Structure formats: C-alpha cells, structure tokens
Full PDB file with SEQRES, HELIX, SHEET, SSBOND, CRYST1, ORIGX, SCALE, CONECT and MASTER records, all heavy atoms in Angstrom:
SEQRES   1 A   45  SER LEU ARG LEU SER CYS ALA ALA SER GLY HIS THR PHE          
SEQRES   2 A   45  SER ASN TYR ILE MET GLY TRP PHE ARG GLN ALA PRO GLY          
SEQRES   3 A   45  LYS GLU ARG GLU ILE VAL ALA HIS ILE SER SER SER GLY          
SEQRES   4 A   45  ALA ASN THR TYR TYR ALA                                      
HELIX    1 AA1 PHE A   13  ASN A   15  5                                   3    
SHEET    1 AA1 3 MET A  18  ARG A  22  0                                        
SHEET    2 AA1 3 GLU A  30  ILE A  35 -1                                        
SHEET    3 AA1 3 THR A  42  TYR A  44 -1                                        
CRYST1    1.000    1.000    1.000  90.00  90.00  90.00 P 1           1          
ORIGX1      1.000000  0.000000  0.000000        0.00000                         
ORIGX2      0.000000  1.000000  0.000000        0.00000                         
ORIGX3      0.000000  0.000000  1.000000        0.00000                         
SCALE1      1.000000  0.000000  0.000000        0.00000                         
SCALE2      0.000000  1.000000  0.000000        0.00000                         
SCALE3      0.000000  0.000000  1.000000        0.00000                         
ATOM      1  N   SER A   1     101.349  86.362 121.985  1.00  0.00           N  
ATOM      2  CA  SER A   1     101.483  85.085 121.273  1.00  0.00           C  
ATOM      3  C   SER A   1     100.140  84.394 121.149  1.00  0.00           C  
ATOM      4  O   SER A   1      99.244  84.571 121.979  1.00  0.00           O  
ATOM      5  CB  SER A   1     102.448  84.150 122.031  1.00  0.00           C  
ATOM      6  OG  SER A   1     103.741  84.695 122.114  1.00  0.00           O  
ATOM      7  N   LEU A   2     100.028  83.607 120.090  1.00  0.00           N  
ATOM      8  CA  LEU A   2      98.895  82.712 119.893  1.00  0.00           C  
ATOM      9  C   LEU A   2      99.407  81.422 119.272  1.00  0.00           C  
ATOM     10  O   LEU A   2     100.413  81.437 118.552  1.00  0.00           O  
ATOM     11  CB  LEU A   2      97.846  83.317 118.955  1.00  0.00           C  
ATOM     12  CG  LEU A   2      96.906  84.388 119.495  1.00  0.00           C  
ATOM     13  CD1 LEU A   2      96.055  84.952 118.352  1.00  0.00           C  
ATOM     14  CD2 LEU A   2      96.013  83.832 120.591  1.00  0.00           C  
ATOM     15  N   ARG A   3      98.679  80.344 119.519  1.00  0.00           N  
ATOM     16  CA  ARG A   3      99.006  79.070 118.884  1.00  0.00           C  
ATOM     17  C   ARG A   3      97.779  78.578 118.131  1.00  0.00           C  
ATOM     18  O   ARG A   3      96.741  78.326 118.740  1.00  0.00           O  
ATOM     19  CB  ARG A   3      99.428  78.028 119.908  1.00  0.00           C  
ATOM     20  CG  ARG A   3      99.955  76.738 119.297  1.00  0.00           C  
ATOM     21  CD  ARG A   3      99.995  75.643 120.326  1.00  0.00           C  
ATOM     22  NE  ARG A   3     100.843  74.532 119.926  1.00  0.00           N  
ATOM     23  CZ  ARG A   3     100.750  73.309 120.444  1.00  0.00           C  
ATOM     24  NH1 ARG A   3      99.844  73.053 121.378  1.00  0.00           N  
ATOM     25  NH2 ARG A   3     101.564  72.344 120.041  1.00  0.00           N  
ATOM     26  N   LEU A   4      97.903  78.477 116.832  1.00  0.00           N  
ATOM     27  CA  LEU A   4      96.830  77.938 116.010  1.00  0.00           C  
ATOM     28  C   LEU A   4      97.017  76.438 115.847  1.00  0.00           C  
ATOM     29  O   LEU A   4      98.145  75.953 115.743  1.00  0.00           O  
ATOM     30  CB  LEU A   4      96.823  78.603 114.632  1.00  0.00           C  
ATOM     31  CG  LEU A   4      96.734  80.126 114.601  1.00  0.00           C  
ATOM     32  CD1 LEU A   4      96.640  80.609 113.152  1.00  0.00           C  
ATOM     33  CD2 LEU A   4      95.578  80.641 115.417  1.00  0.00           C  
ATOM     34  N   SER A   5      95.896  75.738 115.791  1.00  0.00           N  
ATOM     35  CA  SER A   5      95.905  74.303 115.526  1.00  0.00           C  
ATOM     36  C   SER A   5      94.998  74.018 114.338  1.00  0.00           C  
ATOM     37  O   SER A   5      94.012  74.726 114.102  1.00  0.00           O  
ATOM     38  CB  SER A   5      95.390  73.526 116.739  1.00  0.00           C  
ATOM     39  OG  SER A   5      96.210  73.732 117.867  1.00  0.00           O  
ATOM     40  N   CYS A   6      95.337  72.973 113.609  1.00  0.00           N  
ATOM     41  CA  CYS A   6      94.519  72.533 112.486  1.00  0.00           C  
ATOM     42  C   CYS A   6      94.424  71.011 112.577  1.00  0.00           C  
ATOM     43  O   CYS A   6      95.423  70.315 112.398  1.00  0.00           O  
ATOM     44  CB  CYS A   6      95.134  72.967 111.164  1.00  0.00           C  
ATOM     45  SG  CYS A   6      94.308  72.300 109.708  1.00  0.00           S  
ATOM     46  N   ALA A   7      93.220  70.540 112.868  1.00  0.00           N  
ATOM     47  CA  ALA A   7      92.984  69.106 112.994  1.00  0.00           C  
ATOM     48  C   ALA A   7      92.466  68.554 111.673  1.00  0.00           C  
ATOM     49  O   ALA A   7      91.540  69.122 111.073  1.00  0.00           O  
ATOM     50  CB  ALA A   7      91.989  68.837 114.105  1.00  0.00           C  
ATOM     51  N   ALA A   8      93.050  67.457 111.241  1.00  0.00           N  
ATOM     52  CA  ALA A   8      92.684  66.851 109.959  1.00  0.00           C  
ATOM     53  C   ALA A   8      92.012  65.507 110.170  1.00  0.00           C  
ATOM     54  O   ALA A   8      92.351  64.767 111.097  1.00  0.00           O  
ATOM     55  CB  ALA A   8      93.927  66.675 109.097  1.00  0.00           C  
ATOM     56  N   SER A   9      91.075  65.211 109.314  1.00  0.00           N  
ATOM     57  CA  SER A   9      90.436  63.897 109.339  1.00  0.00           C  
ATOM     58  C   SER A   9      90.203  63.458 107.903  1.00  0.00           C  
ATOM     59  O   SER A   9      90.018  64.271 107.000  1.00  0.00           O  
ATOM     60  CB  SER A   9      89.118  63.953 110.098  1.00  0.00           C  
ATOM     61  OG  SER A   9      88.218  64.856 109.495  1.00  0.00           O  
ATOM     62  N   GLY A  10      90.224  62.149 107.697  1.00  0.00           N  
ATOM     63  CA  GLY A  10      90.024  61.635 106.345  1.00  0.00           C  
ATOM     64  C   GLY A  10      91.181  60.733 105.962  1.00  0.00           C  
ATOM     65  O   GLY A  10      91.468  59.769 106.650  1.00  0.00           O  
ATOM     66  N   HIS A  11      91.857  61.091 104.899  1.00  0.00           N  
ATOM     67  CA  HIS A  11      92.935  60.263 104.392  1.00  0.00           C  
ATOM     68  C   HIS A  11      94.179  60.356 105.280  1.00  0.00           C  
ATOM     69  O   HIS A  11      94.217  61.093 106.249  1.00  0.00           O  
ATOM     70  CB  HIS A  11      93.263  60.668 102.953  1.00  0.00           C  
ATOM     71  CG  HIS A  11      92.225  60.231 101.981  1.00  0.00           C  
ATOM     72  ND1 HIS A  11      92.381  60.357 100.617  1.00  0.00           N  
ATOM     73  CD2 HIS A  11      90.997  59.693 102.166  1.00  0.00           C  
ATOM     74  CE1 HIS A  11      91.294  59.903 100.021  1.00  0.00           C  
ATOM     75  NE2 HIS A  11      90.445  59.505 100.927  1.00  0.00           N  
ATOM     76  N   THR A  12      95.214  59.622 104.930  1.00  0.00           N  
ATOM     77  CA  THR A  12      96.428  59.532 105.734  1.00  0.00           C  
ATOM     78  C   THR A  12      97.112  60.884 105.826  1.00  0.00           C  
ATOM     79  O   THR A  12      97.660  61.399 104.846  1.00  0.00           O  
ATOM     80  CB  THR A  12      97.388  58.495 105.131  1.00  0.00           C  
ATOM     81  OG1 THR A  12      96.710  57.248 104.980  1.00  0.00           O  
ATOM     82  CG2 THR A  12      98.586  58.303 106.041  1.00  0.00           C  
ATOM     83  N   PHE A  13      97.094  61.464 107.025  1.00  0.00           N  
ATOM     84  CA  PHE A  13      97.616  62.807 107.254  1.00  0.00           C  
ATOM     85  C   PHE A  13      99.074  62.916 106.862  1.00  0.00           C  
ATOM     86  O   PHE A  13      99.510  63.930 106.317  1.00  0.00           O  
ATOM     87  CB  PHE A  13      97.409  63.155 108.730  1.00  0.00           C  
ATOM     88  CG  PHE A  13      97.888  64.519 109.121  1.00  0.00           C  
ATOM     89  CD1 PHE A  13      97.228  65.652 108.681  1.00  0.00           C  
ATOM     90  CD2 PHE A  13      98.993  64.674 109.950  1.00  0.00           C  
ATOM     91  CE1 PHE A  13      97.650  66.918 109.046  1.00  0.00           C  
ATOM     92  CE2 PHE A  13      99.427  65.925 110.329  1.00  0.00           C  
ATOM     93  CZ  PHE A  13      98.753  67.055 109.877  1.00  0.00           C  
ATOM     94  N   SER A  14      99.842  61.889 107.124  1.00  0.00           N  
ATOM     95  CA  SER A  14     101.282  61.943 106.882  1.00  0.00           C  
ATOM     96  C   SER A  14     101.637  61.951 105.394  1.00  0.00           C  
ATOM     97  O   SER A  14     102.808  62.089 105.043  1.00  0.00           O  
ATOM     98  CB  SER A  14     101.981  60.772 107.572  1.00  0.00           C  
ATOM     99  OG  SER A  14     101.469  59.539 107.096  1.00  0.00           O  
ATOM    100  N   ASN A  15     100.659  61.844 104.516  1.00  0.00           N  
ATOM    101  CA  ASN A  15     100.896  61.956 103.077  1.00  0.00           C  
ATOM    102  C   ASN A  15     100.798  63.389 102.573  1.00  0.00           C  
ATOM    103  O   ASN A  15     101.080  63.645 101.394  1.00  0.00           O  
ATOM    104  CB  ASN A  15      99.878  61.119 102.293  1.00  0.00           C  
ATOM    105  CG  ASN A  15     100.086  59.631 102.466  1.00  0.00           C  
ATOM    106  OD1 ASN A  15     101.120  59.187 102.949  1.00  0.00           O  
ATOM    107  ND2 ASN A  15      99.086  58.851 102.082  1.00  0.00           N  
ATOM    108  N   TYR A  16     100.407  64.313 103.451  1.00  0.00           N  
ATOM    109  CA  TYR A  16     100.050  65.660 103.019  1.00  0.00           C  
ATOM    110  C   TYR A  16     101.070  66.723 103.398  1.00  0.00           C  
ATOM    111  O   TYR A  16     101.542  66.783 104.546  1.00  0.00           O  
ATOM    112  CB  TYR A  16      98.705  66.068 103.625  1.00  0.00           C  
ATOM    113  CG  TYR A  16      97.520  65.380 103.002  1.00  0.00           C  
ATOM    114  CD1 TYR A  16      97.191  64.079 103.355  1.00  0.00           C  
ATOM    115  CD2 TYR A  16      96.728  66.032 102.057  1.00  0.00           C  
ATOM    116  CE1 TYR A  16      96.110  63.440 102.775  1.00  0.00           C  
ATOM    117  CE2 TYR A  16      95.646  65.401 101.481  1.00  0.00           C  
ATOM    118  CZ  TYR A  16      95.337  64.107 101.840  1.00  0.00           C  
ATOM    119  OH  TYR A  16      94.261  63.485 101.262  1.00  0.00           O  
ATOM    120  N   ILE A  17     101.389  67.587 102.435  1.00  0.00           N  
ATOM    121  CA  ILE A  17     102.008  68.874 102.747  1.00  0.00           C  
ATOM    122  C   ILE A  17     100.932  69.695 103.462  1.00  0.00           C  
ATOM    123  O   ILE A  17      99.779  69.719 103.041  1.00  0.00           O  
ATOM    124  CB  ILE A  17     102.426  69.616 101.464  1.00  0.00           C  
ATOM    125  CG1 ILE A  17     103.523  68.871 100.722  1.00  0.00           C  
ATOM    126  CG2 ILE A  17     102.863  71.036 101.791  1.00  0.00           C  
ATOM    127  CD1 ILE A  17     103.798  69.455  99.340  1.00  0.00           C  
ATOM    128  N   MET A  18     101.319  70.395 104.530  1.00  0.00           N  
ATOM    129  CA  MET A  18     100.383  71.241 105.262  1.00  0.00           C  
ATOM    130  C   MET A  18     100.882  72.686 105.250  1.00  0.00           C  
ATOM    131  O   MET A  18     102.078  72.931 105.428  1.00  0.00           O  
ATOM    132  CB  MET A  18     100.236  70.767 106.699  1.00  0.00           C  
ATOM    133  CG  MET A  18      99.697  69.356 106.850  1.00  0.00           C  
ATOM    134  SD  MET A  18      98.051  69.153 106.120  1.00  0.00           S  
ATOM    135  CE  MET A  18      97.097  70.293 107.123  1.00  0.00           C  
ATOM    136  N   GLY A  19      99.960  73.599 105.043  1.00  0.00           N  
ATOM    137  CA  GLY A  19     100.351  75.001 104.997  1.00  0.00           C  
ATOM    138  C   GLY A  19      99.391  75.884 105.762  1.00  0.00           C  
ATOM    139  O   GLY A  19      98.215  75.537 105.951  1.00  0.00           O  
ATOM    140  N   TRP A  20      99.904  77.013 106.218  1.00  0.00           N  
ATOM    141  CA  TRP A  20      99.086  78.078 106.804  1.00  0.00           C  
ATOM    142  C   TRP A  20      99.158  79.272 105.853  1.00  0.00           C  
ATOM    143  O   TRP A  20     100.250  79.679 105.438  1.00  0.00           O  
ATOM    144  CB  TRP A  20      99.601  78.481 108.178  1.00  0.00           C  
ATOM    145  CG  TRP A  20      99.294  77.490 109.260  1.00  0.00           C  
ATOM    146  CD1 TRP A  20     100.124  76.543 109.775  1.00  0.00           C  
ATOM    147  CD2 TRP A  20      98.060  77.366 109.974  1.00  0.00           C  
ATOM    148  NE1 TRP A  20      99.480  75.828 110.756  1.00  0.00           N  
ATOM    149  CE2 TRP A  20      98.211  76.325 110.896  1.00  0.00           C  
ATOM    150  CE3 TRP A  20      96.840  78.039 109.926  1.00  0.00           C  
ATOM    151  CZ2 TRP A  20      97.192  75.920 111.764  1.00  0.00           C  
ATOM    152  CZ3 TRP A  20      95.825  77.651 110.792  1.00  0.00           C  
ATOM    153  CH2 TRP A  20      96.004  76.606 111.696  1.00  0.00           C  
ATOM    154  N   PHE A  21      97.984  79.787 105.546  1.00  0.00           N  
ATOM    155  CA  PHE A  21      97.854  80.970 104.703  1.00  0.00           C  
ATOM    156  C   PHE A  21      97.067  82.013 105.476  1.00  0.00           C  
ATOM    157  O   PHE A  21      96.357  81.677 106.430  1.00  0.00           O  
ATOM    158  CB  PHE A  21      97.109  80.621 103.407  1.00  0.00           C  
ATOM    159  CG  PHE A  21      97.861  79.664 102.514  1.00  0.00           C  
ATOM    160  CD1 PHE A  21      97.906  78.307 102.798  1.00  0.00           C  
ATOM    161  CD2 PHE A  21      98.512  80.126 101.378  1.00  0.00           C  
ATOM    162  CE1 PHE A  21      98.606  77.423 101.978  1.00  0.00           C  
ATOM    163  CE2 PHE A  21      99.207  79.261 100.544  1.00  0.00           C  
ATOM    164  CZ  PHE A  21      99.250  77.902 100.856  1.00  0.00           C  
ATOM    165  N   ARG A  22      97.161  83.274 105.068  1.00  0.00           N  
ATOM    166  CA  ARG A  22      96.372  84.304 105.709  1.00  0.00           C  
ATOM    167  C   ARG A  22      95.887  85.311 104.682  1.00  0.00           C  
ATOM    168  O   ARG A  22      96.511  85.501 103.638  1.00  0.00           O  
ATOM    169  CB  ARG A  22      97.168  85.008 106.810  1.00  0.00           C  
ATOM    170  CG  ARG A  22      98.332  85.852 106.333  1.00  0.00           C  
ATOM    171  CD  ARG A  22      99.115  86.385 107.526  1.00  0.00           C  
ATOM    172  NE  ARG A  22     100.235  87.243 107.107  1.00  0.00           N  
ATOM    173  CZ  ARG A  22     101.133  87.740 107.950  1.00  0.00           C  
ATOM    174  NH1 ARG A  22     101.063  87.465 109.245  1.00  0.00           N  
ATOM    175  NH2 ARG A  22     102.112  88.503 107.491  1.00  0.00           N  
ATOM    176  N   GLN A  23      94.770  85.933 105.028  1.00  0.00           N  
ATOM    177  CA  GLN A  23      94.213  86.969 104.168  1.00  0.00           C  
ATOM    178  C   GLN A  23      93.686  88.099 105.033  1.00  0.00           C  
ATOM    179  O   GLN A  23      92.788  87.892 105.857  1.00  0.00           O  
ATOM    180  CB  GLN A  23      93.108  86.424 103.280  1.00  0.00           C  
ATOM    181  CG  GLN A  23      92.621  87.422 102.239  1.00  0.00           C  
ATOM    182  CD  GLN A  23      91.785  86.793 101.159  1.00  0.00           C  
ATOM    183  OE1 GLN A  23      91.225  85.716 101.331  1.00  0.00           O  
ATOM    184  NE2 GLN A  23      91.698  87.452 100.007  1.00  0.00           N  
ATOM    185  N   ALA A  24      94.267  89.266 104.837  1.00  0.00           N  
ATOM    186  CA  ALA A  24      93.828  90.469 105.531  1.00  0.00           C  
ATOM    187  C   ALA A  24      92.782  91.184 104.672  1.00  0.00           C  
ATOM    188  O   ALA A  24      92.756  91.005 103.448  1.00  0.00           O  
ATOM    189  CB  ALA A  24      95.017  91.380 105.802  1.00  0.00           C  
ATOM    190  N   PRO A  25      91.930  92.008 105.283  1.00  0.00           N  
ATOM    191  CA  PRO A  25      90.907  92.721 104.514  1.00  0.00           C  
ATOM    192  C   PRO A  25      91.519  93.544 103.386  1.00  0.00           C  
ATOM    193  O   PRO A  25      92.484  94.285 103.599  1.00  0.00           O  
ATOM    194  CB  PRO A  25      90.253  93.618 105.562  1.00  0.00           C  
ATOM    195  CG  PRO A  25      90.477  92.914 106.855  1.00  0.00           C  
ATOM    196  CD  PRO A  25      91.822  92.265 106.725  1.00  0.00           C  
ATOM    197  N   GLY A  26      90.984  93.382 102.187  1.00  0.00           N  
ATOM    198  CA  GLY A  26      91.456  94.143 101.047  1.00  0.00           C  
ATOM    199  C   GLY A  26      92.766  93.665 100.454  1.00  0.00           C  
ATOM    200  O   GLY A  26      93.299  94.303  99.539  1.00  0.00           O  
ATOM    201  N   LYS A  27      93.280  92.560 100.958  1.00  0.00           N  
ATOM    202  CA  LYS A  27      94.553  92.045 100.454  1.00  0.00           C  
ATOM    203  C   LYS A  27      94.380  90.633  99.910  1.00  0.00           C  
ATOM    204  O   LYS A  27      93.428  89.936 100.249  1.00  0.00           O  
ATOM    205  CB  LYS A  27      95.608  92.055 101.559  1.00  0.00           C  
ATOM    206  CG  LYS A  27      95.989  93.448 102.030  1.00  0.00           C  
ATOM    207  CD  LYS A  27      97.170  93.399 102.970  1.00  0.00           C  
ATOM    208  CE  LYS A  27      97.637  94.789 103.376  1.00  0.00           C  
ATOM    209  NZ  LYS A  27      98.816  94.750 104.277  1.00  0.00           N  
ATOM    210  N   GLU A  28      95.337  90.218  99.086  1.00  0.00           N  
ATOM    211  CA  GLU A  28      95.319  88.870  98.555  1.00  0.00           C  
ATOM    212  C   GLU A  28      95.773  87.870  99.629  1.00  0.00           C  
ATOM    213  O   GLU A  28      96.522  88.223 100.547  1.00  0.00           O  
ATOM    214  CB  GLU A  28      96.238  88.771  97.337  1.00  0.00           C  
ATOM    215  CG  GLU A  28      95.746  89.550  96.133  1.00  0.00           C  
ATOM    216  CD  GLU A  28      96.571  89.276  94.895  1.00  0.00           C  
ATOM    217  OE1 GLU A  28      97.589  88.569  94.992  1.00  0.00           O  
ATOM    218  OE2 GLU A  28      96.197  89.783  93.824  1.00  0.00           O  
ATOM    219  N   ARG A  29      95.334  86.639  99.467  1.00  0.00           N  
ATOM    220  CA  ARG A  29      95.778  85.587 100.375  1.00  0.00           C  
ATOM    221  C   ARG A  29      97.273  85.338 100.149  1.00  0.00           C  
ATOM    222  O   ARG A  29      97.741  85.317  99.006  1.00  0.00           O  
ATOM    223  CB  ARG A  29      94.976  84.317 100.125  1.00  0.00           C  
ATOM    224  CG  ARG A  29      95.276  83.190 101.082  1.00  0.00           C  
ATOM    225  CD  ARG A  29      94.209  82.122 101.033  1.00  0.00           C  
ATOM    226  NE  ARG A  29      93.965  81.617  99.703  1.00  0.00           N  
ATOM    227  CZ  ARG A  29      92.937  80.853  99.375  1.00  0.00           C  
ATOM    228  NH1 ARG A  29      92.038  80.516 100.291  1.00  0.00           N  
ATOM    229  NH2 ARG A  29      92.786  80.424  98.129  1.00  0.00           N  
ATOM    230  N   GLU A  30      97.991  85.147 101.249  1.00  0.00           N  
ATOM    231  CA  GLU A  30      99.422  84.909 101.153  1.00  0.00           C  
ATOM    232  C   GLU A  30      99.815  83.711 102.017  1.00  0.00           C  
ATOM    233  O   GLU A  30      99.169  83.403 103.012  1.00  0.00           O  
ATOM    234  CB  GLU A  30     100.208  86.144 101.617  1.00  0.00           C  
ATOM    235  CG  GLU A  30      99.989  86.518 103.058  1.00  0.00           C  
ATOM    236  CD  GLU A  30     100.848  87.695 103.502  1.00  0.00           C  
ATOM    237  OE1 GLU A  30     101.687  88.168 102.709  1.00  0.00           O  
ATOM    238  OE2 GLU A  30     100.673  88.131 104.654  1.00  0.00           O  
ATOM    239  N   ILE A  31     100.882  83.077 101.607  1.00  0.00           N  
ATOM    240  CA  ILE A  31     101.364  81.957 102.399  1.00  0.00           C  
ATOM    241  C   ILE A  31     102.099  82.487 103.613  1.00  0.00           C  
ATOM    242  O   ILE A  31     102.797  83.504 103.541  1.00  0.00           O  
ATOM    243  CB  ILE A  31     102.255  81.015 101.564  1.00  0.00           C  
ATOM    244  CG1 ILE A  31     102.560  79.746 102.349  1.00  0.00           C  
ATOM    245  CG2 ILE A  31     103.525  81.739 101.114  1.00  0.00           C  
ATOM    246  CD1 ILE A  31     103.079  78.621 101.515  1.00  0.00           C  
ATOM    247  N   VAL A  32     101.917  81.826 104.737  1.00  0.00           N  
ATOM    248  CA  VAL A  32     102.617  82.154 105.975  1.00  0.00           C  
ATOM    249  C   VAL A  32     103.753  81.167 106.202  1.00  0.00           C  
ATOM    250  O   VAL A  32     104.902  81.551 106.424  1.00  0.00           O  
ATOM    251  CB  VAL A  32     101.643  82.118 107.165  1.00  0.00           C  
ATOM    252  CG1 VAL A  32     102.379  82.372 108.473  1.00  0.00           C  
ATOM    253  CG2 VAL A  32     100.522  83.130 106.968  1.00  0.00           C  
ATOM    254  N   ALA A  33     103.413  79.879 106.139  1.00  0.00           N  
ATOM    255  CA  ALA A  33     104.404  78.831 106.366  1.00  0.00           C  
ATOM    256  C   ALA A  33     103.853  77.518 105.841  1.00  0.00           C  
ATOM    257  O   ALA A  33     102.637  77.341 105.731  1.00  0.00           O  
ATOM    258  CB  ALA A  33     104.720  78.695 107.858  1.00  0.00           C  
ATOM    259  N   HIS A  34     104.760  76.615 105.499  1.00  0.00           N  
ATOM    260  CA  HIS A  34     104.305  75.265 105.178  1.00  0.00           C  
ATOM    261  C   HIS A  34     105.342  74.251 105.632  1.00  0.00           C  
ATOM    262  O   HIS A  34     106.503  74.589 105.906  1.00  0.00           O  
ATOM    263  CB  HIS A  34     103.925  75.106 103.708  1.00  0.00           C  
ATOM    264  CG  HIS A  34     105.049  75.204 102.718  1.00  0.00           C  
ATOM    265  ND1 HIS A  34     105.752  74.120 102.272  1.00  0.00           N  
ATOM    266  CD2 HIS A  34     105.544  76.271 102.059  1.00  0.00           C  
ATOM    267  CE1 HIS A  34     106.642  74.509 101.383  1.00  0.00           C  
ATOM    268  NE2 HIS A  34     106.545  75.815 101.235  1.00  0.00           N  
ATOM    269  N   ILE A  35     104.892  73.010 105.742  1.00  0.00           N  
ATOM    270  CA  ILE A  35     105.725  71.943 106.276  1.00  0.00           C  
ATOM    271  C   ILE A  35     105.526  70.699 105.425  1.00  0.00           C  
ATOM    272  O   ILE A  35     104.414  70.397 104.986  1.00  0.00           O  
ATOM    273  CB  ILE A  35     105.397  71.695 107.768  1.00  0.00           C  
ATOM    274  CG1 ILE A  35     106.354  70.694 108.408  1.00  0.00           C  
ATOM    275  CG2 ILE A  35     103.938  71.263 107.951  1.00  0.00           C  
ATOM    276  CD1 ILE A  35     106.266  70.668 109.932  1.00  0.00           C  
ATOM    277  N   SER A  36     106.613  69.992 105.177  1.00  0.00           N  
ATOM    278  CA  SER A  36     106.555  68.806 104.328  1.00  0.00           C  
ATOM    279  C   SER A  36     105.780  67.681 105.012  1.00  0.00           C  
ATOM    280  O   SER A  36     105.529  67.730 106.220  1.00  0.00           O  
ATOM    281  CB  SER A  36     107.960  68.338 103.980  1.00  0.00           C  
ATOM    282  OG  SER A  36     108.679  68.000 105.157  1.00  0.00           O  
ATOM    283  N   SER A  37     105.417  66.688 104.225  1.00  0.00           N  
ATOM    284  CA  SER A  37     104.600  65.596 104.749  1.00  0.00           C  
ATOM    285  C   SER A  37     105.273  64.878 105.926  1.00  0.00           C  
ATOM    286  O   SER A  37     104.596  64.462 106.863  1.00  0.00           O  
ATOM    287  CB  SER A  37     104.268  64.611 103.634  1.00  0.00           C  
ATOM    288  OG  SER A  37     105.458  64.112 103.034  1.00  0.00           O  
ATOM    289  N   SER A  38     106.586  64.765 105.883  1.00  0.00           N  
ATOM    290  CA  SER A  38     107.317  64.086 106.966  1.00  0.00           C  
ATOM    291  C   SER A  38     107.597  65.015 108.139  1.00  0.00           C  
ATOM    292  O   SER A  38     107.918  64.556 109.230  1.00  0.00           O  
ATOM    293  CB  SER A  38     108.647  63.550 106.445  1.00  0.00           C  
ATOM    294  OG  SER A  38     109.512  64.627 106.113  1.00  0.00           O  
ATOM    295  N   GLY A  39     107.509  66.312 107.892  1.00  0.00           N  
ATOM    296  CA  GLY A  39     107.865  67.299 108.913  1.00  0.00           C  
ATOM    297  C   GLY A  39     109.327  67.699 108.882  1.00  0.00           C  
ATOM    298  O   GLY A  39     109.752  68.548 109.660  1.00  0.00           O  
ATOM    299  N   ALA A  40     110.091  67.138 107.956  1.00  0.00           N  
ATOM    300  CA  ALA A  40     111.534  67.396 107.925  1.00  0.00           C  
ATOM    301  C   ALA A  40     111.870  68.776 107.380  1.00  0.00           C  
ATOM    302  O   ALA A  40     112.933  69.330 107.683  1.00  0.00           O  
ATOM    303  CB  ALA A  40     112.232  66.329 107.089  1.00  0.00           C  
ATOM    304  N   ASN A  41     110.994  69.332 106.544  1.00  0.00           N  
ATOM    305  CA  ASN A  41     111.268  70.621 105.900  1.00  0.00           C  
ATOM    306  C   ASN A  41     110.181  71.623 106.226  1.00  0.00           C  
ATOM    307  O   ASN A  41     108.994  71.285 106.250  1.00  0.00           O  
ATOM    308  CB  ASN A  41     111.344  70.443 104.387  1.00  0.00           C  
ATOM    309  CG  ASN A  41     112.480  69.541 103.970  1.00  0.00           C  
ATOM    310  OD1 ASN A  41     113.643  69.864 104.154  1.00  0.00           O  
ATOM    311  ND2 ASN A  41     112.154  68.397 103.406  1.00  0.00           N  
ATOM    312  N   THR A  42     110.602  72.870 106.462  1.00  0.00           N  
ATOM    313  CA  THR A  42     109.660  73.962 106.702  1.00  0.00           C  
ATOM    314  C   THR A  42     110.059  75.178 105.880  1.00  0.00           C  
ATOM    315  O   THR A  42     111.239  75.355 105.535  1.00  0.00           O  
ATOM    316  CB  THR A  42     109.617  74.366 108.188  1.00  0.00           C  
ATOM    317  OG1 THR A  42     110.946  74.733 108.612  1.00  0.00           O  
ATOM    318  CG2 THR A  42     109.112  73.229 109.058  1.00  0.00           C  
ATOM    319  N   TYR A  43     109.060  75.982 105.577  1.00  0.00           N  
ATOM    320  CA  TYR A  43     109.279  77.235 104.852  1.00  0.00           C  
ATOM    321  C   TYR A  43     108.475  78.325 105.542  1.00  0.00           C  
ATOM    322  O   TYR A  43     107.350  78.094 105.992  1.00  0.00           O  
ATOM    323  CB  TYR A  43     108.820  77.106 103.400  1.00  0.00           C  
ATOM    324  CG  TYR A  43     108.753  78.423 102.681  1.00  0.00           C  
ATOM    325  CD1 TYR A  43     109.884  78.985 102.113  1.00  0.00           C  
ATOM    326  CD2 TYR A  43     107.556  79.143 102.629  1.00  0.00           C  
ATOM    327  CE1 TYR A  43     109.829  80.221 101.485  1.00  0.00           C  
ATOM    328  CE2 TYR A  43     107.498  80.380 102.003  1.00  0.00           C  
ATOM    329  CZ  TYR A  43     108.637  80.910 101.437  1.00  0.00           C  
ATOM    330  OH  TYR A  43     108.584  82.131 100.828  1.00  0.00           O  
ATOM    331  N   TYR A  44     109.050  79.540 105.595  1.00  0.00           N  
ATOM    332  CA  TYR A  44     108.371  80.685 106.189  1.00  0.00           C  
ATOM    333  C   TYR A  44     108.441  81.883 105.258  1.00  0.00           C  
ATOM    334  O   TYR A  44     109.476  82.123 104.614  1.00  0.00           O  
ATOM    335  CB  TYR A  44     109.024  81.063 107.524  1.00  0.00           C  
ATOM    336  CG  TYR A  44     108.938  79.976 108.563  1.00  0.00           C  
ATOM    337  CD1 TYR A  44     109.966  79.053 108.717  1.00  0.00           C  
ATOM    338  CD2 TYR A  44     107.821  79.868 109.384  1.00  0.00           C  
ATOM    339  CE1 TYR A  44     109.883  78.038 109.663  1.00  0.00           C  
ATOM    340  CE2 TYR A  44     107.730  78.865 110.331  1.00  0.00           C  
ATOM    341  CZ  TYR A  44     108.751  77.956 110.464  1.00  0.00           C  
ATOM    342  OH  TYR A  44     108.661  76.958 111.393  1.00  0.00           O  
ATOM    343  N   ALA A  45     107.361  82.633 105.224  1.00  0.00           N  
ATOM    344  CA  ALA A  45     107.391  83.915 104.543  1.00  0.00           C  
ATOM    345  C   ALA A  45     108.350  84.838 105.294  1.00  0.00           C  
ATOM    346  O   ALA A  45     108.499  84.730 106.518  1.00  0.00           O  
ATOM    347  CB  ALA A  45     105.996  84.531 104.502  1.00  0.00           C  
TER     348      ALA A  45                                                      
MASTER        0    0    0    1    3    0    0    6  347    1    0    4          
END                                                                             
C-alpha cells in the first residue's frame, strides 16, 4: 500500500474538483479517480 497526498495553495480549495491521473511509460495519461468539490461524489477507473 501507498498513500499519496496532494497539497493545494492559492484559491479556495473547496471550489475545486480534484483528480488523480497516472501515466505509465509509453502509455497515454489516464484518470485514476476524482472527487467532487464538496467530497460527496467520487469516481474510480
């Protein structure tokens, strides 16, 4: 297991959809997961 963190600074964080994407060598970038601005909704590949 691993836990990734992403720290944001600047504008109001709670206004933003946040997503994790990944790109393996020789492959296109793909979405892994995303979460709505409120945190109420999540999506996973």
